[in-house]
């Protein structure tokens, strides 16, 4: 077979654009963007570049995307770079704009799918770094099912204030300390100026680093990529190598749904659980499973959590950040420990064309340092960092991060707030006291809409010293990956569709118990039925536009809050 003939076999989609006399008009357009005769015969690969000036997570991504293009050209492919949106959770947190964050996941997935479908791309490499654009990229890959690779932009380095490493988590908690007079405004401003020292996604085991770890564990990024800091030029090397790896996927016709399977998603879940990852991983991995046509439920997280050791000491519940993981050997140390313990599925296909076990066997992997990463045989806890709670308050489930908290049971009176802002103002006024159960509702996927994160509230609570250890918070909304402490999110069904969380009244006793996985309001079924008869669904303030569309289409958090 000639080189040209071999290239033609890889143009499963793009042949319709560039081959044959009838495609002369299309080729004329392609020549205008720089293509030559020989390029028309090469596979076309989309490069989704999520670069944006609106967040430090993504401000540097064009530099990385250009290296992806260089690697694709070198691998006898034609790259086509295009952009899509991102929302900065850390900037919009605590404002109405935060409602757009989860919505952006769907917009990103839709936009990447639209470009690659509309322009008949043979393959896709996505370059991203912020919380929602990462799962959005993988969701689009699963939908398109063309050979694809994810490239992570890397994490930010920590800042330093008075000799102590700090990051964005500290800023939200500092607001709580300032509101109670425990921190001066000068120190608050001083922290503000150094907490985020440059480019990269938030530094702890927050949502971005949780998802980079999950994506590598499921086999959709190159081995060793998940923990490299944004400023480290090794990331550009990974980006360049992605071009050759993508060509191999084209040659072998290995597509995302060959890689994203029940077993590889379980690998992703186990790494998240072992590293104390973000509660958002539950939403995102369920959404990815949905797009990949894999049957998976919220209960799978709890099943795996019961047998997956918690092996890291990472913020928000611990001491260290992602750059420390990198110095300690990367997430491959965690994966190798889980594999050797008989937990990880080693035979899963990955974007290298090799199995998870084969990739790990080829890497020089250090032993756990017992500081940042612990051995699976001597973990920080024998069970994972997330649990699923159920009961009459959340019959379809709610998610709690137990990594970094000892508050595993609680019974106390409810203080109910219809929205995040009302609760934040109450907390900063000192109205929430030790023993309370704070309930924030009408912030679910439909009710928000958009299921906004509650880091402004949880940070304010945790920043008030002992209050953070003695107050339970429950919401049908979400939490930032930077949230820690006794916080329970994703309560389903949500209030806006008639879930019982919408029937709770001030003073009701609520019980939470991690050991029994219970989350209940101690009110009889008859009383709940009586309250339900007088309950009315709230009228949405969004009558048109993206928020209204999302509210009409989105499903339950217990199913990943997908819009199909």
Foldseek 3Di string as FASTA:
>chain_A
DDPLVLQQLLLPFQCVQQDDPVNVVSVVVVVVVPDDPQQSSHAEEEEEQAADPQDLARPCRVVLSVLLQVLQVVQRHHYDYDYDYADDQLVCPPHLVLLCHLLRLQRLLVVVLCVCVVNRHQEYEYEGFEQRNLLSVLLNQLQNFHQYAYAYLFAFAFFDDPRATAASLVLLLVVLCVLVVNDDPVSSVVCVVTGGPGHHYTWWLWRRLLSLQLCVQLFRYAPPRSLDHNVDCVSSVSSSVVSNLSVVCSSVVPTSLLRREPQSNQSSLLLCFQALHFPLNLLSSLSSCVSNVYDDFSVSSQVQQQQRFNWFQIPPLHRHTSNVCVVQFHSLLVVVLCVVVVRHDQQGAHSNRGTNVVSSVPDDGDHGPCHGTGHLVDGPGRGTQKHWFDDLQFPLTKIWGNRNAPLAKAKAWEDEDAALNVLLVCLSVVVDDFRYEYEYALQACQSSVRQGANSSNQSSQVSPPPSQAGYAYEYCGGHIRNGDGRYIYVRPPGVLVPRLSVQDDTGFMWIGHNVVSYTYTPDDPVVSVVSSVPDDRDDDPDDDDSSNLLSVQFDGSRSSRDRD
